[in-house]
Structures are given as C-alpha cells and as structure tokens.
C-alpha cells in the first residue's frame, strides 16, 4: 500500500468514526445543553490538552453568537455565579483538574454541563446537564464505540465538531444572520 492509499484509508476511517460518534449523541441531551447555554449569563469552559483546544474553539464561536464565554484559567476570566454555566469536556470525567474545578463550581452553585463518555464519573455526578459522546476513552468501558484512531482522537474531534454543530443550531434557533456575526469576529488581526 502506498502513502496516498494509507492516507485515504485513514481519512475514511476518521470520517466514518466521527459520523458514528455524533449520530449516537441523544437528541434530548443536546436540547438540554442548548437550553442551558441559552439561559446562562456567562459560559465557562474547561478541558485538558486537546479537549481544551476543542473547547477553546467553542468559546470563540459562542462569543461570535453574542454569548459571554470564557476558558477557565484565562486572564480575562471573570467571577462565576449561580446564573452561569460551566461546560466541562472530559472523556473519562475522572481527570484531576476537571474533577477539582467541578467541585469548586458546585460549591458556588454554578450549573455544570458535562460532555464526556463516562456517565458514572465524578464530573458527571456533579453535572446538571450531561451530553454523552459514547466513544472510547482511557477507561475502555464496555459500551464505548471503539476507534481505530490514536488514543482519544475520536473524542477530541467529536467535541470540536459537536461545538460547531450546537453553535450552528443555536444560530438558527435564534434566527441570527450568519453575515452579521462577522461584526463580532476579531478585527485586530
């Protein structure tokens, strides 16, 4: 097999797995997540590593939609209140930083939305909204969708695309003019 054939095989694998993962997210969970976003005064997002990068893209897009959204730990992060939403993405829901931040948020009565695979995790137990992306994690739970990709790539890709899907659906739900959103795009570039 030559390099082009390997690349095409990998492309088809990745695209097929992403489609399967996103099609297996429950509609009711997405509706609850969108409602929580809509009701929040401010949205805070937390993810570690590549998941954090995917959530950074979601934060950017939520701001384009007119929401006040921040990554936890950024210098510009304001105080969170009980009118806000903390979105935590973690495949396992057991990583140390997301668990610790969820506990702090819970102590401040901040609403928590968990995007992950493990609905029995400590983060999931603290969350009021849960979105399950049922793909393989470091826990290799029996009901996870297996992946032929490296490590947790499928989860990370799914979080990124799920954020874009939710943002697009939200913009349509609110009847936002796609061209008008450019007014909120960074312009010092």
N, C-alpha and C. Protein backbone atom coordinates (compact mmCIF):
# COMPACT_ATOMS: atom_id res chain seq x y z
N UNK A 1 0.85 -1.17 0.00
CA UNK A 1 0.00 0.00 0.00
C UNK A 1 0.90 1.24 0.00
N UNK A 2 0.61 2.20 -0.91
CA UNK A 2 1.43 3.41 -0.96
C UNK A 2 0.88 4.47 0.01
N UNK A 3 1.62 5.57 0.15
CA UNK A 3 1.25 6.61 1.10
C UNK A 3 -0.13 7.20 0.83
N UNK A 4 -0.45 7.44 -0.42
CA UNK A 4 -1.77 8.00 -0.76
C UNK A 4 -2.89 7.06 -0.35
N UNK A 5 -2.68 5.78 -0.58
CA UNK A 5 -3.71 4.80 -0.20
C UNK A 5 -3.87 4.75 1.33
N UNK A 6 -2.78 4.85 2.04
CA UNK A 6 -2.84 4.86 3.51
C UNK A 6 -3.59 6.10 3.99
N UNK A 7 -3.27 7.25 3.40
CA UNK A 7 -3.95 8.50 3.78
C UNK A 7 -5.44 8.40 3.50
N UNK A 8 -5.83 7.88 2.36
CA UNK A 8 -7.26 7.75 2.03
C UNK A 8 -7.95 6.78 2.98
N UNK A 9 -7.28 5.70 3.31
CA UNK A 9 -7.85 4.73 4.25
C UNK A 9 -8.06 5.39 5.62
N UNK A 10 -7.07 6.15 6.06
CA UNK A 10 -7.17 6.84 7.36
C UNK A 10 -8.26 7.91 7.33
N UNK A 11 -8.36 8.66 6.23
CA UNK A 11 -9.41 9.67 6.07
C UNK A 11 -10.79 9.03 6.20
N UNK A 12 -10.99 7.93 5.50
CA UNK A 12 -12.29 7.26 5.53
C UNK A 12 -12.61 6.73 6.93
N UNK A 13 -11.60 6.21 7.61
CA UNK A 13 -11.77 5.73 8.98
C UNK A 13 -12.21 6.87 9.89
N UNK A 14 -11.47 7.99 9.85
CA UNK A 14 -11.76 9.13 10.72
C UNK A 14 -13.16 9.68 10.45
N UNK A 15 -13.49 9.91 9.18
CA UNK A 15 -14.80 10.47 8.86
C UNK A 15 -15.94 9.54 9.26
N UNK A 16 -15.76 8.26 9.04
CA UNK A 16 -16.79 7.30 9.43
C UNK A 16 -16.99 7.25 10.94
N UNK A 17 -15.88 7.27 11.68
CA UNK A 17 -15.98 7.22 13.14
C UNK A 17 -16.63 8.48 13.70
N UNK A 18 -16.28 9.63 13.15
CA UNK A 18 -16.89 10.88 13.63
C UNK A 18 -18.39 10.86 13.38
N UNK A 19 -18.80 10.43 12.21
CA UNK A 19 -20.23 10.36 11.91
C UNK A 19 -20.94 9.45 12.91
N UNK A 20 -20.37 8.28 13.16
CA UNK A 20 -20.98 7.33 14.10
C UNK A 20 -21.07 7.94 15.50
N UNK A 21 -19.99 8.58 15.94
CA UNK A 21 -19.97 9.18 17.28
C UNK A 21 -21.05 10.25 17.41
N UNK A 22 -21.11 11.17 16.47
CA UNK A 22 -22.06 12.28 16.56
C UNK A 22 -23.50 11.81 16.40
N UNK A 23 -23.72 10.78 15.61
CA UNK A 23 -25.07 10.24 15.45
C UNK A 23 -25.56 9.53 16.71
N UNK A 24 -24.64 9.17 17.59
CA UNK A 24 -25.02 8.46 18.82
C UNK A 24 -25.18 9.37 20.03
N UNK A 25 -25.19 10.69 19.83
CA UNK A 25 -25.49 11.63 20.90
C UNK A 25 -27.01 11.77 20.96
N UNK A 26 -27.56 11.61 22.15
CA UNK A 26 -29.01 11.66 22.32
C UNK A 26 -29.55 13.07 22.05
N UNK A 27 -30.63 13.15 21.29
CA UNK A 27 -31.24 14.44 20.96
C UNK A 27 -31.65 15.21 22.21
N UNK A 28 -32.20 14.51 23.18
CA UNK A 28 -32.65 15.18 24.41
C UNK A 28 -31.47 15.81 25.16
N UNK A 29 -30.32 15.17 25.10
CA UNK A 29 -29.14 15.72 25.77
C UNK A 29 -28.68 17.00 25.08
N UNK A 30 -28.71 17.02 23.75
CA UNK A 30 -28.34 18.22 23.01
C UNK A 30 -29.33 19.34 23.28
N UNK A 31 -30.61 19.02 23.32
CA UNK A 31 -31.62 20.04 23.61
C UNK A 31 -31.40 20.64 25.00
N UNK A 32 -31.11 19.80 25.98
CA UNK A 32 -30.86 20.30 27.34
C UNK A 32 -29.60 21.16 27.37
N UNK A 33 -28.59 20.78 26.62
CA UNK A 33 -27.35 21.55 26.58
C UNK A 33 -27.60 22.92 25.93
N UNK A 34 -28.32 22.93 24.83
CA UNK A 34 -28.61 24.20 24.16
C UNK A 34 -29.45 25.12 25.05
N UNK A 35 -30.38 24.56 25.77
CA UNK A 35 -31.20 25.35 26.70
C UNK A 35 -30.34 25.92 27.82
N UNK A 36 -29.43 25.11 28.35
CA UNK A 36 -28.53 25.60 29.41
C UNK A 36 -27.64 26.73 28.89
N UNK A 37 -27.14 26.61 27.68
CA UNK A 37 -26.34 27.69 27.08
C UNK A 37 -27.16 28.96 26.96
N UNK A 38 -28.38 28.80 26.49
CA UNK A 38 -29.26 29.95 26.27
C UNK A 38 -29.60 30.67 27.57
N UNK A 39 -29.76 29.93 28.64
CA UNK A 39 -30.15 30.51 29.93
C UNK A 39 -28.98 31.11 30.70
N UNK A 40 -27.77 30.72 30.35
CA UNK A 40 -26.60 31.16 31.12
C UNK A 40 -26.28 32.63 30.87
N UNK A 41 -25.93 33.30 31.95
CA UNK A 41 -25.46 34.68 31.83
C UNK A 41 -24.04 34.68 31.23
N UNK A 42 -23.21 33.80 31.75
CA UNK A 42 -21.86 33.60 31.23
C UNK A 42 -21.61 32.10 31.10
N UNK A 43 -20.77 31.74 30.14
CA UNK A 43 -20.42 30.34 29.92
C UNK A 43 -18.91 30.20 30.12
N UNK A 44 -18.53 29.26 30.95
CA UNK A 44 -17.13 28.95 31.20
C UNK A 44 -16.87 27.55 30.67
N UNK A 45 -15.72 27.34 30.04
CA UNK A 45 -15.41 26.03 29.51
C UNK A 45 -14.09 25.53 30.06
N UNK A 46 -14.01 24.22 30.27
CA UNK A 46 -12.80 23.60 30.79
C UNK A 46 -12.58 22.25 30.14
N UNK A 47 -11.39 22.08 29.63
CA UNK A 47 -10.95 20.81 29.09
C UNK A 47 -9.43 20.79 29.19
N UNK A 48 -8.87 19.62 29.24
CA UNK A 48 -7.43 19.47 29.38
C UNK A 48 -6.84 18.96 28.06
N UNK A 49 -5.69 19.47 27.68
CA UNK A 49 -5.00 19.01 26.48
C UNK A 49 -5.76 19.33 25.21
N UNK A 50 -5.85 18.36 24.33
CA UNK A 50 -6.52 18.55 23.04
C UNK A 50 -8.01 18.82 23.22
N UNK A 51 -8.60 18.31 24.27
CA UNK A 51 -10.01 18.61 24.55
C UNK A 51 -10.15 20.10 24.86
N UNK A 52 -9.19 20.65 25.58
CA UNK A 52 -9.19 22.07 25.86
C UNK A 52 -9.12 22.91 24.59
N UNK A 53 -8.34 22.46 23.63
CA UNK A 53 -8.27 23.16 22.34
C UNK A 53 -9.63 23.14 21.64
N UNK A 54 -10.30 22.00 21.68
CA UNK A 54 -11.62 21.89 21.06
C UNK A 54 -12.61 22.84 21.75
N UNK A 55 -12.54 22.93 23.07
CA UNK A 55 -13.44 23.83 23.79
C UNK A 55 -13.08 25.30 23.56
N UNK A 56 -11.81 25.59 23.34
CA UNK A 56 -11.42 26.97 23.01
C UNK A 56 -12.11 27.42 21.72
N UNK A 57 -12.22 26.52 20.77
CA UNK A 57 -12.92 26.84 19.53
C UNK A 57 -14.40 27.09 19.81
N UNK A 58 -14.98 26.32 20.74
CA UNK A 58 -16.38 26.51 21.10
C UNK A 58 -16.57 27.88 21.77
N UNK A 59 -15.65 28.24 22.67
CA UNK A 59 -15.73 29.54 23.34
C UNK A 59 -15.72 30.67 22.31
N UNK A 60 -14.81 30.58 21.37
CA UNK A 60 -14.71 31.59 20.32
C UNK A 60 -16.04 31.72 19.57
N UNK A 61 -16.60 30.59 19.20
CA UNK A 61 -17.85 30.60 18.44
C UNK A 61 -19.01 31.12 19.29
N UNK A 62 -19.08 30.75 20.57
CA UNK A 62 -20.16 31.25 21.43
C UNK A 62 -20.09 32.76 21.54
N UNK A 63 -18.90 33.31 21.61
CA UNK A 63 -18.75 34.77 21.64
C UNK A 63 -19.23 35.38 20.32
N UNK A 64 -18.96 34.73 19.21
CA UNK A 64 -19.47 35.21 17.92
C UNK A 64 -20.99 35.25 17.92
N UNK A 65 -21.61 34.33 18.67
CA UNK A 65 -23.07 34.27 18.73
C UNK A 65 -23.65 35.29 19.71
N UNK A 66 -22.78 36.02 20.40
CA UNK A 66 -23.25 37.05 21.32
C UNK A 66 -23.26 36.63 22.78
N UNK A 67 -22.79 35.44 23.07
CA UNK A 67 -22.71 35.00 24.46
C UNK A 67 -21.41 35.51 25.07
N UNK A 68 -21.37 35.55 26.39
CA UNK A 68 -20.14 35.86 27.10
C UNK A 68 -19.54 34.53 27.52
N UNK A 69 -18.49 34.11 26.83
CA UNK A 69 -17.91 32.79 27.07
C UNK A 69 -16.41 32.93 27.31
N UNK A 70 -15.89 32.07 28.20
CA UNK A 70 -14.51 32.15 28.65
C UNK A 70 -13.95 30.75 28.87
N UNK A 71 -12.66 30.63 28.71
CA UNK A 71 -11.96 29.41 29.13
C UNK A 71 -11.54 29.59 30.59
N UNK A 72 -11.77 28.59 31.39
CA UNK A 72 -11.34 28.62 32.79
C UNK A 72 -9.82 28.75 32.81
N UNK A 73 -9.34 29.69 33.59
CA UNK A 73 -7.91 29.90 33.73
C UNK A 73 -7.36 31.03 32.88
N UNK A 74 -8.13 31.51 31.90
CA UNK A 74 -7.67 32.65 31.10
C UNK A 74 -7.59 33.89 31.97
N UNK A 75 -6.69 34.79 31.63
CA UNK A 75 -6.53 36.02 32.40
C UNK A 75 -7.79 36.87 32.40
N UNK A 76 -8.58 36.79 31.34
CA UNK A 76 -9.79 37.60 31.22
C UNK A 76 -11.01 36.96 31.88
N UNK A 77 -10.83 35.82 32.53
CA UNK A 77 -11.96 35.10 33.14
C UNK A 77 -12.55 35.89 34.31
N UNK A 78 -13.85 36.22 34.24
CA UNK A 78 -14.50 36.90 35.36
C UNK A 78 -14.97 35.89 36.41
N UNK A 79 -15.56 36.39 37.48
CA UNK A 79 -16.11 35.52 38.53
C UNK A 79 -17.35 34.79 38.01
N UNK A 80 -17.51 33.57 38.45
CA UNK A 80 -18.69 32.78 38.09
C UNK A 80 -19.74 32.89 39.20
N UNK A 81 -21.00 32.85 38.79
CA UNK A 81 -22.11 32.93 39.75
C UNK A 81 -23.10 31.80 39.47
N UNK A 82 -24.16 31.77 40.26
CA UNK A 82 -25.18 30.75 40.09
C UNK A 82 -26.05 30.97 38.84
N UNK A 83 -25.79 32.04 38.11
CA UNK A 83 -26.50 32.31 36.85
C UNK A 83 -25.71 31.84 35.65
N UNK A 84 -24.56 31.22 35.91
CA UNK A 84 -23.64 30.85 34.84
C UNK A 84 -23.61 29.35 34.61
N UNK A 85 -22.91 28.96 33.55
CA UNK A 85 -22.77 27.56 33.18
C UNK A 85 -21.29 27.24 32.98
N UNK A 86 -20.86 26.16 33.61
CA UNK A 86 -19.51 25.63 33.39
C UNK A 86 -19.64 24.39 32.52
N UNK A 87 -19.02 24.42 31.34
CA UNK A 87 -19.02 23.28 30.43
C UNK A 87 -17.67 22.57 30.61
N UNK A 88 -17.74 21.32 31.04
CA UNK A 88 -16.53 20.52 31.21
C UNK A 88 -16.58 19.37 30.22
N UNK A 89 -15.55 19.28 29.38
CA UNK A 89 -15.44 18.15 28.47
C UNK A 89 -14.27 17.29 28.94
N UNK A 90 -14.56 16.03 29.15
CA UNK A 90 -13.56 15.05 29.58
C UNK A 90 -14.10 13.68 29.25
N UNK A 91 -13.38 12.94 28.44
CA UNK A 91 -13.87 11.63 28.05
C UNK A 91 -14.18 10.76 29.25
N UNK A 92 -13.23 10.66 30.15
CA UNK A 92 -13.39 9.80 31.32
C UNK A 92 -14.18 10.46 32.43
N UNK A 93 -14.13 11.79 32.51
CA UNK A 93 -14.77 12.51 33.61
C UNK A 93 -14.07 12.29 34.93
N UNK A 94 -12.86 11.76 34.87
CA UNK A 94 -12.11 11.44 36.09
C UNK A 94 -10.75 12.14 36.16
N UNK A 95 -10.40 12.95 35.17
CA UNK A 95 -9.12 13.65 35.20
C UNK A 95 -9.12 14.64 36.37
N UNK A 96 -7.97 14.80 37.00
CA UNK A 96 -7.86 15.55 38.26
C UNK A 96 -8.36 16.99 38.15
N UNK A 97 -7.92 17.71 37.13
CA UNK A 97 -8.29 19.13 37.04
C UNK A 97 -9.79 19.31 36.80
N UNK A 98 -10.42 18.63 35.86
CA UNK A 98 -11.86 18.79 35.70
C UNK A 98 -12.65 18.41 36.96
N UNK A 99 -12.23 17.36 37.65
CA UNK A 99 -12.93 16.96 38.88
C UNK A 99 -12.82 18.06 39.93
N UNK A 100 -11.62 18.62 40.09
CA UNK A 100 -11.40 19.66 41.10
C UNK A 100 -12.18 20.93 40.77
N UNK A 101 -12.16 21.36 39.52
CA UNK A 101 -12.87 22.58 39.13
C UNK A 101 -14.37 22.38 39.23
N UNK A 102 -14.86 21.21 38.89
CA UNK A 102 -16.29 20.92 39.03
C UNK A 102 -16.72 21.05 40.49
N UNK A 103 -15.89 20.56 41.39
CA UNK A 103 -16.21 20.65 42.82
C UNK A 103 -16.25 22.11 43.28
N UNK A 104 -15.31 22.92 42.80
CA UNK A 104 -15.32 24.35 43.15
C UNK A 104 -16.59 25.00 42.61
N UNK A 105 -16.92 24.72 41.34
CA UNK A 105 -18.11 25.31 40.73
C UNK A 105 -19.38 24.89 41.46
N UNK A 106 -19.44 23.65 41.82
CA UNK A 106 -20.61 23.15 42.56
C UNK A 106 -20.76 23.88 43.88
N UNK A 107 -19.65 24.13 44.55
CA UNK A 107 -19.67 24.87 45.81
C UNK A 107 -20.16 26.30 45.65
N UNK A 108 -20.05 26.84 44.45
CA UNK A 108 -20.52 28.20 44.17
C UNK A 108 -21.88 28.20 43.46
N UNK A 109 -22.51 27.06 43.40
CA UNK A 109 -23.83 26.88 42.77
C UNK A 109 -23.84 27.22 41.28
N UNK A 110 -22.69 27.05 40.63
CA UNK A 110 -22.62 27.23 39.18
C UNK A 110 -23.18 25.97 38.53
N UNK A 111 -24.02 26.14 37.53
CA UNK A 111 -24.54 24.99 36.79
C UNK A 111 -23.41 24.36 36.00
N UNK A 112 -23.43 23.04 35.94
CA UNK A 112 -22.36 22.31 35.26
C UNK A 112 -22.95 21.45 34.14
N UNK A 113 -22.35 21.58 32.96
CA UNK A 113 -22.68 20.69 31.84
C UNK A 113 -21.45 19.83 31.58
N UNK A 114 -21.66 18.53 31.53
CA UNK A 114 -20.56 17.59 31.28
C UNK A 114 -20.72 16.99 29.89
N UNK A 115 -19.68 17.11 29.09
CA UNK A 115 -19.62 16.45 27.79
C UNK A 115 -18.55 15.37 27.92
N UNK A 116 -18.95 14.12 27.84
CA UNK A 116 -17.99 13.04 28.03
C UNK A 116 -18.57 11.70 27.65
N UNK A 117 -17.82 10.67 27.95
CA UNK A 117 -18.25 9.32 27.62
C UNK A 117 -18.72 8.55 28.86
N UNK A 118 -18.14 8.88 30.00
CA UNK A 118 -18.39 8.12 31.23
C UNK A 118 -19.45 8.81 32.09
N UNK A 119 -20.68 8.36 31.99
CA UNK A 119 -21.77 8.98 32.75
C UNK A 119 -21.79 8.55 34.22
N UNK A 120 -20.87 7.69 34.61
CA UNK A 120 -20.73 7.31 36.02
C UNK A 120 -19.55 8.02 36.68
N UNK A 121 -18.97 8.97 36.00
CA UNK A 121 -17.78 9.66 36.50
C UNK A 121 -18.12 10.65 37.60
N UNK A 122 -17.08 11.11 38.28
CA UNK A 122 -17.26 12.13 39.32
C UNK A 122 -17.76 13.44 38.72
N UNK A 123 -17.26 13.83 37.56
CA UNK A 123 -17.75 15.06 36.94
C UNK A 123 -19.21 14.90 36.56
N UNK A 124 -19.58 13.79 35.97
CA UNK A 124 -20.97 13.56 35.57
C UNK A 124 -21.90 13.63 36.77
N UNK A 125 -21.47 13.12 37.90
CA UNK A 125 -22.31 13.14 39.10
C UNK A 125 -22.56 14.56 39.61
N UNK A 126 -21.65 15.49 39.32
CA UNK A 126 -21.83 16.88 39.75
C UNK A 126 -22.57 17.73 38.72
N UNK A 127 -22.76 17.20 37.52
CA UNK A 127 -23.36 17.97 36.43
C UNK A 127 -24.88 17.95 36.46
N UNK A 128 -25.46 19.07 36.05
CA UNK A 128 -26.91 19.16 35.91
C UNK A 128 -27.35 18.82 34.48
N UNK A 129 -26.42 18.98 33.54
CA UNK A 129 -26.67 18.65 32.13
C UNK A 129 -25.56 17.71 31.69
N UNK A 130 -25.94 16.63 31.01
CA UNK A 130 -24.94 15.65 30.57
C UNK A 130 -25.15 15.36 29.09
N UNK A 131 -24.05 15.39 28.34
CA UNK A 131 -24.06 15.02 26.92
C UNK A 131 -23.06 13.90 26.76
N UNK A 132 -23.55 12.73 26.39
CA UNK A 132 -22.66 11.59 26.24
C UNK A 132 -22.24 11.42 24.79
N UNK A 133 -20.93 11.48 24.60
CA UNK A 133 -20.33 11.10 23.32
C UNK A 133 -19.74 9.73 23.59
N UNK A 134 -20.43 8.67 23.20
CA UNK A 134 -20.09 7.31 23.67
C UNK A 134 -18.91 6.65 22.95
N UNK A 135 -17.78 7.34 22.96
CA UNK A 135 -16.61 6.82 22.26
C UNK A 135 -15.56 6.35 23.25
N UNK A 136 -14.57 5.63 22.74
CA UNK A 136 -13.52 5.08 23.57
C UNK A 136 -12.75 6.12 24.36
N UNK A 137 -12.47 5.80 25.61
CA UNK A 137 -11.68 6.65 26.49
C UNK A 137 -10.55 5.81 27.06
N UNK A 138 -9.76 6.44 27.92
CA UNK A 138 -8.67 5.71 28.56
C UNK A 138 -9.20 4.62 29.50
N UNK A 139 -10.50 4.66 29.80
CA UNK A 139 -11.10 3.65 30.69
C UNK A 139 -11.52 2.40 29.94
N UNK A 140 -11.65 2.48 28.63
CA UNK A 140 -12.14 1.38 27.78
C UNK A 140 -13.35 0.68 28.41
N UNK A 141 -14.41 1.45 28.56
CA UNK A 141 -15.67 0.92 29.10
C UNK A 141 -16.34 0.01 28.07
N UNK A 142 -17.12 -0.96 28.51
CA UNK A 142 -17.68 -1.94 27.57
C UNK A 142 -18.67 -1.36 26.55
N UNK A 143 -19.34 -0.25 26.85
CA UNK A 143 -20.34 0.27 25.92
C UNK A 143 -19.82 1.44 25.07
N UNK A 144 -18.52 1.62 25.01
CA UNK A 144 -17.94 2.68 24.20
C UNK A 144 -17.80 2.23 22.75
N UNK A 145 -17.98 3.19 21.84
CA UNK A 145 -17.75 2.92 20.43
C UNK A 145 -16.23 2.84 20.23
N UNK A 146 -15.74 1.72 19.74
CA UNK A 146 -14.29 1.58 19.56
C UNK A 146 -13.78 2.46 18.42
N UNK A 147 -12.51 2.77 18.49
CA UNK A 147 -11.89 3.61 17.46
C UNK A 147 -10.58 3.00 16.99
N UNK A 148 -10.31 3.16 15.72
CA UNK A 148 -9.04 2.73 15.15
C UNK A 148 -8.02 3.86 15.14
N UNK A 149 -8.39 4.99 15.75
CA UNK A 149 -7.50 6.14 15.77
C UNK A 149 -6.57 6.09 16.99
N UNK A 150 -5.65 7.01 16.99
CA UNK A 150 -4.67 7.10 18.07
C UNK A 150 -5.33 7.66 19.33
N UNK A 151 -5.14 6.98 20.43
CA UNK A 151 -5.56 7.42 21.76
C UNK A 151 -7.01 7.92 21.76
N UNK A 152 -7.26 9.13 22.25
CA UNK A 152 -8.65 9.62 22.34
C UNK A 152 -8.96 10.64 21.24
N UNK A 153 -8.35 10.49 20.08
CA UNK A 153 -8.58 11.42 18.96
C UNK A 153 -10.05 11.54 18.62
N UNK A 154 -10.78 10.43 18.62
CA UNK A 154 -12.18 10.47 18.24
C UNK A 154 -12.99 11.34 19.19
N UNK A 155 -12.72 11.26 20.47
CA UNK A 155 -13.44 12.10 21.43
C UNK A 155 -13.13 13.57 21.18
N UNK A 156 -11.87 13.88 21.02
CA UNK A 156 -11.44 15.27 20.82
C UNK A 156 -12.06 15.85 19.55
N UNK A 157 -12.04 15.09 18.46
CA UNK A 157 -12.65 15.53 17.21
C UNK A 157 -14.15 15.73 17.39
N UNK A 158 -14.78 14.82 18.10
CA UNK A 158 -16.22 14.90 18.31
C UNK A 158 -16.60 16.13 19.12
N UNK A 159 -15.80 16.46 20.13
CA UNK A 159 -16.08 17.66 20.93
C UNK A 159 -15.99 18.90 20.05
N UNK A 160 -14.96 18.98 19.22
CA UNK A 160 -14.80 20.13 18.33
C UNK A 160 -16.00 20.28 17.41
N UNK A 161 -16.37 19.21 16.73
CA UNK A 161 -17.46 19.28 15.77
C UNK A 161 -18.81 19.42 16.45
N UNK A 162 -18.98 18.81 17.62
CA UNK A 162 -20.22 18.98 18.37
C UNK A 162 -20.42 20.46 18.73
N UNK A 163 -19.35 21.12 19.13
CA UNK A 163 -19.43 22.55 19.43
C UNK A 163 -19.89 23.35 18.22
N UNK A 164 -19.36 23.04 17.06
CA UNK A 164 -19.77 23.74 15.84
C UNK A 164 -21.22 23.42 15.47
N UNK A 165 -21.62 22.18 15.66
CA UNK A 165 -23.00 21.79 15.36
C UNK A 165 -23.97 22.53 16.28
N UNK A 166 -23.66 22.57 17.57
CA UNK A 166 -24.52 23.26 18.53
C UNK A 166 -24.57 24.75 18.22
N UNK A 167 -23.43 25.34 17.88
CA UNK A 167 -23.40 26.77 17.56
C UNK A 167 -24.26 27.08 16.33
N UNK A 168 -24.16 26.26 15.32
CA UNK A 168 -24.96 26.46 14.11
C UNK A 168 -26.45 26.30 14.43
N UNK A 169 -26.79 25.26 15.18
CA UNK A 169 -28.20 25.04 15.55
C UNK A 169 -28.72 26.21 16.40
N UNK A 170 -27.89 26.68 17.33
CA UNK A 170 -28.28 27.81 18.17
C UNK A 170 -28.52 29.05 17.32
N UNK A 171 -27.63 29.31 16.35
CA UNK A 171 -27.80 30.49 15.50
C UNK A 171 -29.09 30.40 14.69
N UNK A 172 -29.44 29.22 14.26
CA UNK A 172 -30.68 29.04 13.50
C UNK A 172 -31.89 29.16 14.43
N UNK A 173 -31.77 28.59 15.63
CA UNK A 173 -32.86 28.67 16.62
C UNK A 173 -33.17 30.13 16.93
N UNK A 174 -32.14 30.95 17.02
CA UNK A 174 -32.30 32.38 17.36
C UNK A 174 -32.54 33.25 16.14
N UNK A 175 -32.47 32.66 14.95
CA UNK A 175 -32.68 33.42 13.73
C UNK A 175 -31.59 34.45 13.46
N UNK A 176 -30.36 34.11 13.85
CA UNK A 176 -29.25 35.04 13.67
C UNK A 176 -28.81 35.09 12.21
N UNK A 177 -28.48 36.27 11.76
CA UNK A 177 -28.00 36.46 10.39
C UNK A 177 -26.54 36.03 10.34
N UNK A 178 -26.20 34.98 9.58
CA UNK A 178 -24.81 34.50 9.54
C UNK A 178 -23.81 35.57 9.14
N UNK A 179 -24.19 36.47 8.26
CA UNK A 179 -23.27 37.52 7.82
C UNK A 179 -23.05 38.57 8.91
N UNK A 180 -24.08 38.81 9.73
CA UNK A 180 -23.96 39.80 10.81
C UNK A 180 -23.01 39.33 11.91
N UNK A 181 -22.81 38.03 12.02
CA UNK A 181 -21.92 37.50 13.06
C UNK A 181 -20.48 37.96 12.86
N UNK A 182 -20.12 38.32 11.66
CA UNK A 182 -18.75 38.79 11.38
C UNK A 182 -18.43 40.06 12.16
N UNK A 183 -19.46 40.80 12.59
CA UNK A 183 -19.21 42.03 13.38
C UNK A 183 -18.54 41.71 14.71
N UNK A 184 -18.73 40.46 15.20
CA UNK A 184 -18.13 40.07 16.47
C UNK A 184 -16.81 39.32 16.29
N UNK A 185 -16.39 39.16 15.07
CA UNK A 185 -15.13 38.46 14.78
C UNK A 185 -13.97 39.37 15.13
N UNK A 186 -12.86 38.78 15.56
CA UNK A 186 -11.65 39.55 15.86
C UNK A 186 -11.28 40.41 14.65
N UNK A 187 -10.91 41.66 14.90
CA UNK A 187 -10.58 42.53 13.78
C UNK A 187 -9.24 43.23 13.94
N UNK A 188 -8.43 42.78 14.87
CA UNK A 188 -7.08 43.34 15.04
C UNK A 188 -6.02 42.40 14.48
N UNK A 189 -6.45 41.54 13.60
CA UNK A 189 -5.53 40.54 13.06
C UNK A 189 -4.75 41.03 11.87
